[in-house]
C-alpha atoms as a PDB file:
ATOM      1  CA  MET A   1     110.721 124.103  90.124  1.00  0.00           C
ATOM      2  CA  ILE A   2     112.317 121.067  91.799  1.00  0.00           C
ATOM      3  CA  GLU A   3     115.710 121.775  90.215  1.00  0.00           C
ATOM      4  CA  ALA A   4     115.429 125.553  90.569  1.00  0.00           C
ATOM      5  CA  GLY A   5     114.464 125.468  94.236  1.00  0.00           C
ATOM      6  CA  SER A   6     111.918 128.296  94.027  1.00  0.00           C
ATOM      7  CA  VAL A   7     109.108 129.552  91.818  1.00  0.00           C
ATOM      8  CA  THR A   8     111.004 132.770  91.178  1.00  0.00           C
ATOM      9  CA  GLU A   9     114.106 130.980  89.921  1.00  0.00           C
ATOM     10  CA  ALA A  10     112.040 128.529  87.865  1.00  0.00           C
ATOM     11  CA  ALA A  11     110.218 131.454  86.240  1.00  0.00           C
ATOM     12  CA  ARG A  12     113.542 133.169  85.465  1.00  0.00           C
ATOM     13  CA  ARG A  13     114.942 130.024  83.820  1.00  0.00           C
ATOM     14  CA  ILE A  14     112.004 129.677  81.419  1.00  0.00           C
ATOM     15  CA  ASN A  15     111.707 133.430  80.910  1.00  0.00           C
ATOM     16  CA  ILE A  16     108.214 133.999  82.320  1.00  0.00           C
ATOM     17  CA  THR A  17     106.908 135.951  85.303  1.00  0.00           C
ATOM     18  CA  GLN A  18     106.613 134.457  88.767  1.00  0.00           C
ATOM     19  CA  PRO A  19     102.767 134.687  88.768  1.00  0.00           C
ATOM     20  CA  ALA A  20     102.708 132.923  85.401  1.00  0.00           C
ATOM     21  CA  ALA A  21     104.896 130.128  86.786  1.00  0.00           C
ATOM     22  CA  SER A  22     102.597 129.798  89.795  1.00  0.00           C
ATOM     23  CA  ARG A  23      99.593 129.492  87.471  1.00  0.00           C
ATOM     24  CA  LEU A  24     101.368 126.762  85.477  1.00  0.00           C
ATOM     25  CA  ILE A  25     101.904 124.789  88.685  1.00  0.00           C
ATOM     26  CA  SER A  26      98.264 125.228  89.714  1.00  0.00           C
ATOM     27  CA  ASP A  27      97.068 124.180  86.263  1.00  0.00           C
ATOM     28  CA  LEU A  28      99.272 121.062  86.329  1.00  0.00           C
ATOM     29  CA  GLU A  29      97.971 120.098  89.772  1.00  0.00           C
ATOM     30  CA  HIS A  30      94.407 120.596  88.565  1.00  0.00           C
ATOM     31  CA  ASN A  31      95.017 118.398  85.524  1.00  0.00           C
ATOM     32  CA  VAL A  32      96.674 115.524  87.394  1.00  0.00           C
ATOM     33  CA  GLY A  33      94.168 115.683  90.247  1.00  0.00           C
ATOM     34  CA  TYR A  34      96.468 115.907  93.260  1.00  0.00           C
ATOM     35  CA  ALA A  35      98.918 118.298  94.921  1.00  0.00           C
ATOM     36  CA  LEU A  36     102.474 118.403  93.624  1.00  0.00           C
ATOM     37  CA  PHE A  37     103.741 120.973  96.110  1.00  0.00           C
ATOM     38  CA  ARG A  38     103.053 121.799  99.735  1.00  0.00           C
ATOM     39  CA  ARG A  39     102.555 125.490 100.553  1.00  0.00           C
ATOM     40  CA  GLU A  40     104.362 126.309 103.795  1.00  0.00           C
ATOM     41  CA  LYS A  41     105.065 129.891 104.836  1.00  0.00           C
ATOM     42  CA  LYS A  42     105.086 131.187 101.250  1.00  0.00           C
ATOM     43  CA  ARG A  43     107.464 128.417 100.185  1.00  0.00           C
ATOM     44  CA  LEU A  44     106.722 125.426  97.975  1.00  0.00           C
ATOM     45  CA  SER A  45     108.053 121.963  98.814  1.00  0.00           C
ATOM     46  CA  PRO A  46     107.587 119.025  96.424  1.00  0.00           C
ATOM     47  CA  THR A  47     105.323 116.196  97.559  1.00  0.00           C
ATOM     48  CA  PRO A  48     106.459 112.556  97.203  1.00  0.00           C
ATOM     49  CA  GLU A  49     104.263 112.324  94.109  1.00  0.00           C
ATOM     50  CA  ALA A  50     106.024 115.329  92.553  1.00  0.00           C
ATOM     51  CA  LEU A  51     109.414 113.753  93.203  1.00  0.00           C
ATOM     52  CA  ALA A  52     108.249 110.468  91.677  1.00  0.00           C
ATOM     53  CA  LEU A  53     107.017 112.301  88.575  1.00  0.00           C
ATOM     54  CA  PHE A  54     110.236 114.302  88.333  1.00  0.00           C
ATOM     55  CA  GLU A  55     112.316 111.103  88.515  1.00  0.00           C
ATOM     56  CA  GLU A  56     110.160 109.516  85.803  1.00  0.00           C
ATOM     57  CA  VAL A  57     110.597 112.496  83.491  1.00  0.00           C
ATOM     58  CA  ASP A  58     114.285 112.929  84.256  1.00  0.00           C
ATOM     59  CA  ARG A  59     115.030 109.238  83.722  1.00  0.00           C
ATOM     60  CA  SER A  60     113.090 108.803  80.508  1.00  0.00           C
ATOM     61  CA  PHE A  61     113.294 112.207  78.786  1.00  0.00           C
ATOM     62  CA  ILE A  62     109.656 111.690  77.865  1.00  0.00           C
ATOM     63  CA  GLY A  63     107.397 114.079  76.009  1.00  0.00           C
ATOM     64  CA  ILE A  64     104.449 116.152  77.172  1.00  0.00           C
ATOM     65  CA  GLY A  65     101.855 113.443  76.473  1.00  0.00           C
ATOM     66  CA  GLU A  66     103.842 110.814  78.305  1.00  0.00           C
ATOM     67  CA  ILE A  67     104.359 113.189  81.242  1.00  0.00           C
ATOM     68  CA  ALA A  68     100.588 113.512  81.593  1.00  0.00           C
ATOM     69  CA  ASP A  69     100.215 109.724  81.453  1.00  0.00           C
ATOM     70  CA  ALA A  70     102.933 109.260  84.069  1.00  0.00           C
ATOM     71  CA  ALA A  71     101.290 111.846  86.330  1.00  0.00           C
ATOM     72  CA  ARG A  72      97.929 110.092  86.064  1.00  0.00           C
ATOM     73  CA  ASP A  73      99.529 106.706  86.776  1.00  0.00           C
ATOM     74  CA  ILE A  74     101.188 108.072  89.906  1.00  0.00           C
ATOM     75  CA  GLY A  75      97.915 109.645  91.028  1.00  0.00           C
ATOM     76  CA  ASN A  76      96.058 106.379  90.441  1.00  0.00           C
ATOM     77  CA  PHE A  77      98.742 104.358  92.279  1.00  0.00           C
ATOM     78  CA  ARG A  78      99.816 102.524  89.118  1.00  0.00           C
ATOM     79  CA  ARG A  79     103.363 103.821  89.486  1.00  0.00           C
ATOM     80  CA  GLY A  80     105.517 104.615  92.475  1.00  0.00           C
ATOM     81  CA  SER A  81     107.552 102.882  95.148  1.00  0.00           C
ATOM     82  CA  LEU A  82     107.449 102.096  98.858  1.00  0.00           C
ATOM     83  CA  ARG A  83     110.314 101.249 101.177  1.00  0.00           C
ATOM     84  CA  LEU A  84     109.248  99.374 104.300  1.00  0.00           C
ATOM     85  CA  ALA A  85     111.132  98.288 107.419  1.00  0.00           C
ATOM     86  CA  SER A  86     109.444  95.956 109.882  1.00  0.00           C
ATOM     87  CA  LEU A  87     109.907  93.836 112.948  1.00  0.00           C
ATOM     88  CA  PRO A  88     109.680  90.100 112.200  1.00  0.00           C
ATOM     89  CA  ALA A  89     106.334  89.690 113.979  1.00  0.00           C
ATOM     90  CA  MET A  90     104.667  91.554 111.105  1.00  0.00           C
ATOM     91  CA  ALA A  91     107.154  90.993 108.278  1.00  0.00           C
ATOM     92  CA  LEU A  92     107.141  87.194 108.103  1.00  0.00           C
ATOM     93  CA  GLU A  93     103.428  86.581 107.559  1.00  0.00           C
ATOM     94  CA  PHE A  94     101.128  89.597 107.850  1.00  0.00           C
ATOM     95  CA  LEU A  95     102.901  92.161 105.666  1.00  0.00           C
ATOM     96  CA  PRO A  96     103.584  89.723 102.798  1.00  0.00           C
ATOM     97  CA  ARG A  97      99.808  89.130 102.611  1.00  0.00           C
ATOM     98  CA  MET A  98      99.173  92.874 102.599  1.00  0.00           C
ATOM     99  CA  ILE A  99     101.814  93.473  99.920  1.00  0.00           C
ATOM    100  CA  SER A 100     100.323  90.715  97.757  1.00  0.00           C
ATOM    101  CA  ARG A 101      96.847  92.250  97.960  1.00  0.00           C
ATOM    102  CA  PHE A 102      98.168  95.758  97.416  1.00  0.00           C
ATOM    103  CA  CYS A 103     100.204  94.863  94.315  1.00  0.00           C
ATOM    104  CA  LYS A 104      97.555  92.685  92.694  1.00  0.00           C
ATOM    105  CA  ASP A 105      96.193  95.481  90.484  1.00  0.00           C
ATOM    106  CA  LYS A 106      99.330  97.668  90.535  1.00  0.00           C
ATOM    107  CA  PRO A 107     101.889  95.849  88.372  1.00  0.00           C
ATOM    108  CA  ASP A 108     104.183  98.854  87.901  1.00  0.00           C
ATOM    109  CA  ILE A 109     104.761  99.863  91.532  1.00  0.00           C
ATOM    110  CA  SER A 110     107.769  98.591  93.445  1.00  0.00           C
ATOM    111  CA  ILE A 111     107.979  97.669  97.129  1.00  0.00           C
ATOM    112  CA  SER A 112     111.054  96.754  99.114  1.00  0.00           C
ATOM    113  CA  MET A 113     110.883  95.426 102.675  1.00  0.00           C
ATOM    114  CA  GLN A 114     113.700  94.985 105.165  1.00  0.00           C
ATOM    115  CA  ILE A 115     113.282  92.951 108.352  1.00  0.00           C
ATOM    116  CA  HIS A 116     114.918  94.230 111.520  1.00  0.00           C
ATOM    117  CA  SER A 117     114.462  94.512 115.261  1.00  0.00           C
ATOM    118  CA  SER A 118     112.206  97.342 116.401  1.00  0.00           C
ATOM    119  CA  GLN A 119     115.223  99.425 117.436  1.00  0.00           C
ATOM    120  CA  ARG A 120     116.796  99.004 114.018  1.00  0.00           C
ATOM    121  CA  VAL A 121     113.467  99.873 112.337  1.00  0.00           C
ATOM    122  CA  LEU A 122     113.515 103.126 114.319  1.00  0.00           C
ATOM    123  CA  GLN A 123     116.998 103.897 112.985  1.00  0.00           C
ATOM    124  CA  CYS A 124     115.911 103.136 109.415  1.00  0.00           C
ATOM    125  CA  ILE A 125     113.020 105.586 109.624  1.00  0.00           C
ATOM    126  CA  ALA A 126     115.111 108.235 111.383  1.00  0.00           C
ATOM    127  CA  SER A 127     117.486 108.148 108.410  1.00  0.00           C
ATOM    128  CA  GLN A 128     114.560 109.405 106.263  1.00  0.00           C
ATOM    129  CA  GLN A 129     115.394 106.713 103.678  1.00  0.00           C
ATOM    130  CA  PHE A 130     112.304 104.561 104.368  1.00  0.00           C
ATOM    131  CA  ASP A 131     108.617 105.388 103.969  1.00  0.00           C
ATOM    132  CA  LEU A 132     107.040 103.197 106.666  1.00  0.00           C
ATOM    133  CA  GLY A 133     108.342 101.281 109.648  1.00  0.00           C
ATOM    134  CA  PHE A 134     106.459  98.747 111.758  1.00  0.00           C
ATOM    135  CA  ALA A 135     107.685  98.214 115.314  1.00  0.00           C
ATOM    136  CA  GLU A 136     106.602  97.356 118.845  1.00  0.00           C
ATOM    137  CA  ILE A 137     108.118 100.493 120.368  1.00  0.00           C
ATOM    138  CA  ASP A 138     106.907 104.044 120.753  1.00  0.00           C
ATOM    139  CA  THR A 139     109.460 106.807 120.385  1.00  0.00           C
ATOM    140  CA  GLU A 140     110.082 110.494 120.946  1.00  0.00           C
ATOM    141  CA  HIS A 141     112.880 110.633 118.375  1.00  0.00           C
ATOM    142  CA  PRO A 142     112.740 114.082 116.732  1.00  0.00           C
ATOM    143  CA  ALA A 143     113.098 112.617 113.234  1.00  0.00           C
ATOM    144  CA  VAL A 144     110.343 110.013 113.659  1.00  0.00           C
ATOM    145  CA  GLU A 145     106.578 110.183 114.103  1.00  0.00           C
ATOM    146  CA  ALA A 146     105.058 107.154 115.858  1.00  0.00           C
ATOM    147  CA  ARG A 147     101.399 106.154 115.486  1.00  0.00           C
ATOM    148  CA  LEU A 148      99.753 103.351 117.426  1.00  0.00           C
ATOM    149  CA  ILE A 149      97.944 101.292 114.777  1.00  0.00           C
ATOM    150  CA  TYR A 150      96.932  98.204 116.752  1.00  0.00           C
ATOM    151  CA  GLY A 151      97.025  96.820 120.248  1.00  0.00           C
ATOM    152  CA  ALA A 152      96.036  93.396 121.525  1.00  0.00           C
ATOM    153  CA  PRO A 153      96.921  91.155 124.477  1.00  0.00           C
ATOM    154  CA  MET A 154      99.530  88.470 123.971  1.00  0.00           C
ATOM    155  CA  VAL A 155      98.061  84.975 123.742  1.00  0.00           C
ATOM    156  CA  ALA A 156      99.028  81.500 124.925  1.00  0.00           C
ATOM    157  CA  ILE A 157      99.904  79.077 122.137  1.00  0.00           C
ATOM    158  CA  LEU A 158      99.824  75.289 122.429  1.00  0.00           C
ATOM    159  CA  PRO A 159     100.331  72.302 120.137  1.00  0.00           C
ATOM    160  CA  LYS A 160      97.241  70.467 118.965  1.00  0.00           C
ATOM    161  CA  GLY A 161      95.983  67.924 121.475  1.00  0.00           C
ATOM    162  CA  HIS A 162      97.626  69.526 124.515  1.00  0.00           C
ATOM    163  CA  THR A 163      95.777  68.849 127.784  1.00  0.00           C
ATOM    164  CA  LEU A 164      95.576  72.558 128.659  1.00  0.00           C
ATOM    165  CA  LEU A 165      93.303  73.135 125.663  1.00  0.00           C
ATOM    166  CA  ALA A 166      90.456  71.888 127.821  1.00  0.00           C
ATOM    167  CA  ARG A 167      90.551  75.239 129.628  1.00  0.00           C
ATOM    168  CA  PRO A 168      88.908  78.347 128.096  1.00  0.00           C
ATOM    169  CA  ASN A 169      91.786  80.580 129.213  1.00  0.00           C
ATOM    170  CA  LEU A 170      95.135  80.119 130.920  1.00  0.00           C
ATOM    171  CA  ALA A 171      96.755  81.681 133.973  1.00  0.00           C
ATOM    172  CA  PRO A 172     100.380  81.663 135.170  1.00  0.00           C
ATOM    173  CA  GLN A 173      99.746  78.673 137.448  1.00  0.00           C
ATOM    174  CA  ASP A 174      98.809  76.550 134.414  1.00  0.00           C
ATOM    175  CA  PHE A 175     102.397  76.867 133.180  1.00  0.00           C
ATOM    176  CA  GLN A 176     103.987  75.456 136.350  1.00  0.00           C
ATOM    177  CA  ASP A 177     106.745  73.008 135.301  1.00  0.00           C
ATOM    178  CA  GLU A 178     105.627  73.129 131.650  1.00  0.00           C
ATOM    179  CA  ASN A 179     108.254  73.253 128.895  1.00  0.00           C
ATOM    180  CA  PHE A 180     108.219  76.892 127.792  1.00  0.00           C
ATOM    181  CA  VAL A 181     109.594  78.196 124.491  1.00  0.00           C
ATOM    182  CA  SER A 182     110.771  81.756 125.045  1.00  0.00           C
ATOM    183  CA  LEU A 183     111.916  84.743 123.070  1.00  0.00           C
ATOM    184  CA  GLY A 184     115.421  86.093 123.679  1.00  0.00           C
ATOM    185  CA  SER A 185     116.038  88.138 126.807  1.00  0.00           C
ATOM    186  CA  ASN A 186     116.615  91.353 124.825  1.00  0.00           C
ATOM    187  CA  TYR A 187     112.955  91.532 123.732  1.00  0.00           C
ATOM    188  CA  ILE A 188     110.556  93.867 125.550  1.00  0.00           C
ATOM    189  CA  SER A 189     107.746  91.312 125.355  1.00  0.00           C
ATOM    190  CA  ARG A 190     109.989  88.613 126.877  1.00  0.00           C
ATOM    191  CA  ARG A 191     110.649  90.819 129.895  1.00  0.00           C
ATOM    192  CA  ARG A 192     106.917  91.513 130.320  1.00  0.00           C
ATOM    193  CA  VAL A 193     106.093  87.801 130.216  1.00  0.00           C
ATOM    194  CA  ASP A 194     108.859  86.926 132.685  1.00  0.00           C
ATOM    195  CA  ALA A 195     107.671  89.646 135.070  1.00  0.00           C
ATOM    196  CA  VAL A 196     104.161  88.132 135.229  1.00  0.00           C
ATOM    197  CA  PHE A 197     105.458  84.666 136.077  1.00  0.00           C
ATOM    198  CA  PHE A 198     107.912  86.060 138.624  1.00  0.00           C
ATOM    199  CA  ALA A 199     105.118  88.042 140.315  1.00  0.00           C
ATOM    200  CA  ASN A 200     103.016  84.864 140.553  1.00  0.00           C
ATOM    201  CA  ASN A 201     105.941  82.716 141.773  1.00  0.00           C
ATOM    202  CA  VAL A 202     105.552  80.250 138.889  1.00  0.00           C
ATOM    203  CA  GLU A 203     108.503  78.211 137.615  1.00  0.00           C
ATOM    204  CA  ARG A 204     108.536  77.202 133.971  1.00  0.00           C
ATOM    205  CA  LYS A 205     110.968  74.814 132.298  1.00  0.00           C
ATOM    206  CA  MET A 206     112.948  77.268 130.181  1.00  0.00           C
ATOM    207  CA  GLN A 207     114.487  74.719 127.857  1.00  0.00           C
ATOM    208  CA  ILE A 208     114.437  76.554 124.511  1.00  0.00           C
ATOM    209  CA  GLU A 209     114.653  80.201 123.467  1.00  0.00           C
ATOM    210  CA  THR A 210     114.829  81.819 120.035  1.00  0.00           C
ATOM    211  CA  GLN A 211     114.830  85.276 118.514  1.00  0.00           C
ATOM    212  CA  LEU A 212     111.646  85.206 116.413  1.00  0.00           C
ATOM    213  CA  SER A 213     108.052  84.775 117.536  1.00  0.00           C
ATOM    214  CA  MET A 214     107.367  82.859 114.306  1.00  0.00           C
ATOM    215  CA  ALA A 215     110.115  80.405 115.291  1.00  0.00           C
ATOM    216  CA  VAL A 216     108.559  80.134 118.758  1.00  0.00           C
ATOM    217  CA  GLY A 217     105.254  79.241 117.146  1.00  0.00           C
ATOM    218  CA  ASN A 218     106.771  76.598 114.896  1.00  0.00           C
ATOM    219  CA  LEU A 219     108.614  75.047 117.823  1.00  0.00           C
ATOM    220  CA  VAL A 220     105.330  74.863 119.721  1.00  0.00           C
ATOM    221  CA  ALA A 221     103.652  73.357 116.662  1.00  0.00           C
ATOM    222  CA  ASN A 222     106.284  70.612 116.736  1.00  0.00           C
ATOM    223  CA  GLY A 223     105.438  69.744 120.330  1.00  0.00           C
ATOM    224  CA  VAL A 224     108.508  70.964 122.202  1.00  0.00           C
ATOM    225  CA  GLY A 225     106.557  73.175 124.608  1.00  0.00           C
ATOM    226  CA  ILE A 226     104.036  75.981 125.002  1.00  0.00           C
ATOM    227  CA  SER A 227     104.471  79.734 124.958  1.00  0.00           C
ATOM    228  CA  ILE A 228     102.978  83.229 124.985  1.00  0.00           C
ATOM    229  CA  ILE A 229     103.501  85.402 121.911  1.00  0.00           C
ATOM    230  CA  ASP A 230     102.107  88.419 120.100  1.00  0.00           C
ATOM    231  CA  HIS A 231      98.586  88.385 118.701  1.00  0.00           C
ATOM    232  CA  VAL A 232      99.429  88.768 114.984  1.00  0.00           C
ATOM    233  CA  THR A 233     101.935  85.916 114.856  1.00  0.00           C
ATOM    234  CA  ALA A 234      99.776  83.635 116.990  1.00  0.00           C
ATOM    235  CA  PHE A 235      96.689  84.024 114.836  1.00  0.00           C
ATOM    236  CA  SER A 236      98.633  83.669 111.601  1.00  0.00           C
ATOM    237  CA  LEU A 237      99.927  80.310 112.826  1.00  0.00           C
ATOM    238  CA  ARG A 238      96.531  79.269 114.143  1.00  0.00           C
ATOM    239  CA  ASP A 239      94.804  80.126 110.867  1.00  0.00           C
ATOM    240  CA  ARG A 240      97.290  77.868 109.080  1.00  0.00           C
ATOM    241  CA  GLY A 241      96.252  75.028 111.403  1.00  0.00           C
ATOM    242  CA  LEU A 242      99.636  74.709 113.101  1.00  0.00           C
ATOM    243  CA  ILE A 243      98.776  75.586 116.708  1.00  0.00           C
ATOM    244  CA  GLU A 244      95.901  76.355 119.063  1.00  0.00           C
ATOM    245  CA  THR A 245      95.496  79.576 121.050  1.00  0.00           C
ATOM    246  CA  ARG A 246      93.980  80.511 124.387  1.00  0.00           C
ATOM    247  CA  PRO A 247      93.587  83.889 126.131  1.00  0.00           C
ATOM    248  CA  PHE A 248      96.163  84.463 128.862  1.00  0.00           C
ATOM    249  CA  LEU A 249      95.276  86.217 132.114  1.00  0.00           C
ATOM    250  CA  PRO A 250      96.413  88.622 133.431  1.00  0.00           C
ATOM    251  CA  GLU A 251      96.616  90.328 130.069  1.00  0.00           C
ATOM    252  CA  ILE A 252     100.037  91.311 128.768  1.00  0.00           C
ATOM    253  CA  SER A 253      99.669  94.175 126.303  1.00  0.00           C
ATOM    254  CA  TYR A 254     101.434  94.195 122.953  1.00  0.00           C
ATOM    255  CA  ASN A 255     101.256  97.291 120.762  1.00  0.00           C
ATOM    256  CA  TYR A 256     102.073  97.681 117.084  1.00  0.00           C
ATOM    257  CA  TYR A 257     103.298 101.083 115.921  1.00  0.00           C
ATOM    258  CA  VAL A 258     103.906 102.538 112.502  1.00  0.00           C
ATOM    259  CA  LEU A 259     106.936 104.825 112.380  1.00  0.00           C
ATOM    260  CA  LEU A 260     107.081 107.622 109.812  1.00  0.00           C
ATOM    261  CA  PRO A 261     109.896 110.015 108.853  1.00  0.00           C
ATOM    262  CA  SER A 262     108.903 113.326 110.407  1.00  0.00           C
ATOM    263  CA  HIS A 263     110.800 115.527 107.948  1.00  0.00           C
ATOM    264  CA  ARG A 264     108.931 114.497 104.809  1.00  0.00           C
ATOM    265  CA  PRO A 265     105.287 113.631 104.164  1.00  0.00           C
ATOM    266  CA  LEU A 266     104.063 110.128 103.475  1.00  0.00           C
ATOM    267  CA  SER A 267     103.048 109.647  99.842  1.00  0.00           C
ATOM    268  CA  ARG A 268      99.450 108.940  98.892  1.00  0.00           C
ATOM    269  CA  LEU A 269     100.632 105.450  97.914  1.00  0.00           C
ATOM    270  CA  GLY A 270     102.037 104.962 101.417  1.00  0.00           C
ATOM    271  CA  GLU A 271      98.901 106.304 103.085  1.00  0.00           C
ATOM    272  CA  THR A 272      96.780 103.855 101.090  1.00  0.00           C
ATOM    273  CA  PHE A 273      98.974 100.890 102.028  1.00  0.00           C
ATOM    274  CA  LEU A 274      98.907 101.928 105.684  1.00  0.00           C
ATOM    275  CA  LYS A 275      95.100 102.150 105.710  1.00  0.00           C
ATOM    276  CA  ILE A 276      94.833  98.649 104.231  1.00  0.00           C
ATOM    277  CA  ALA A 277      97.264  97.235 106.794  1.00  0.00           C
ATOM    278  CA  GLN A 278      95.499  98.932 109.701  1.00  0.00           C
ATOM    279  CA  LYS A 279      92.078  97.750 108.521  1.00  0.00           C
ATOM    280  CA  ASN A 280      93.246  94.137 108.295  1.00  0.00           C
ATOM    281  CA  LEU A 281      94.909  94.304 111.715  1.00  0.00           C
ATOM    282  CA  GLY A 282      91.604  95.422 113.196  1.00  0.00           C
ATOM    283  CA  GLN A 283      89.848  92.433 111.668  1.00  0.00           C
ATOM    284  CA  MET A 284      92.107  89.838 113.324  1.00  0.00           C
ATOM    285  CA  GLU A 285      90.246  87.827 115.952  1.00  0.00           C
END
């Protein structure tokens, strides 16, 4: 069916009727326990699981019994692959933890992850070559579906023992003349932070800037200044005992989106990974 392109052509190649070929497909789906083809306007399109099974069979020239085993393994998430692209804020700490948990009981799946800016993540997903992208930008790109999976205010981060830790939350005025470690000027979150301080007429000492929020956090941990960064990175660093955090008012929103290729469905393996990631994001406090 995948090679033939249609049920009719597949039936012709194996010398059976089209209804008989359709019944064979239905029987196979019933036996493996999940859909292998999507029915759209009287046409069948292979699901990601069907393509994974086809590649397994094509690569190995395996027999009928092994095909059934491979199909069950794919259905039970014991085989398969995921290609991820992510912004550094999630790729350097959070996603490695999620991948470790996800792969713990799935030794035969493969996951690759590339780390890029949010704009580059968008391009990766638009190419339809990646399964999931994590970014801080929404999009109306016709080849990409964007879902908001988590949103939280940015937080102030300080080195241990800093005098401002005596306050339950921090405002722009608390940063007056403080050494401030900043993200690069091309980041959306940097521009939002700068706009708040400009609106409140507060001057910070902008001595150091870097491109990664994780690097900002480690610079703060080493006592070179204070900063305001995204929620996920801040709490990862805090939980490792490297920094302290405080709420910052007025709130500066920071949203995390998952980007999906709009021209092909996400595999069941990908949906499961996404649910785990979203659940753990919601538990961060």
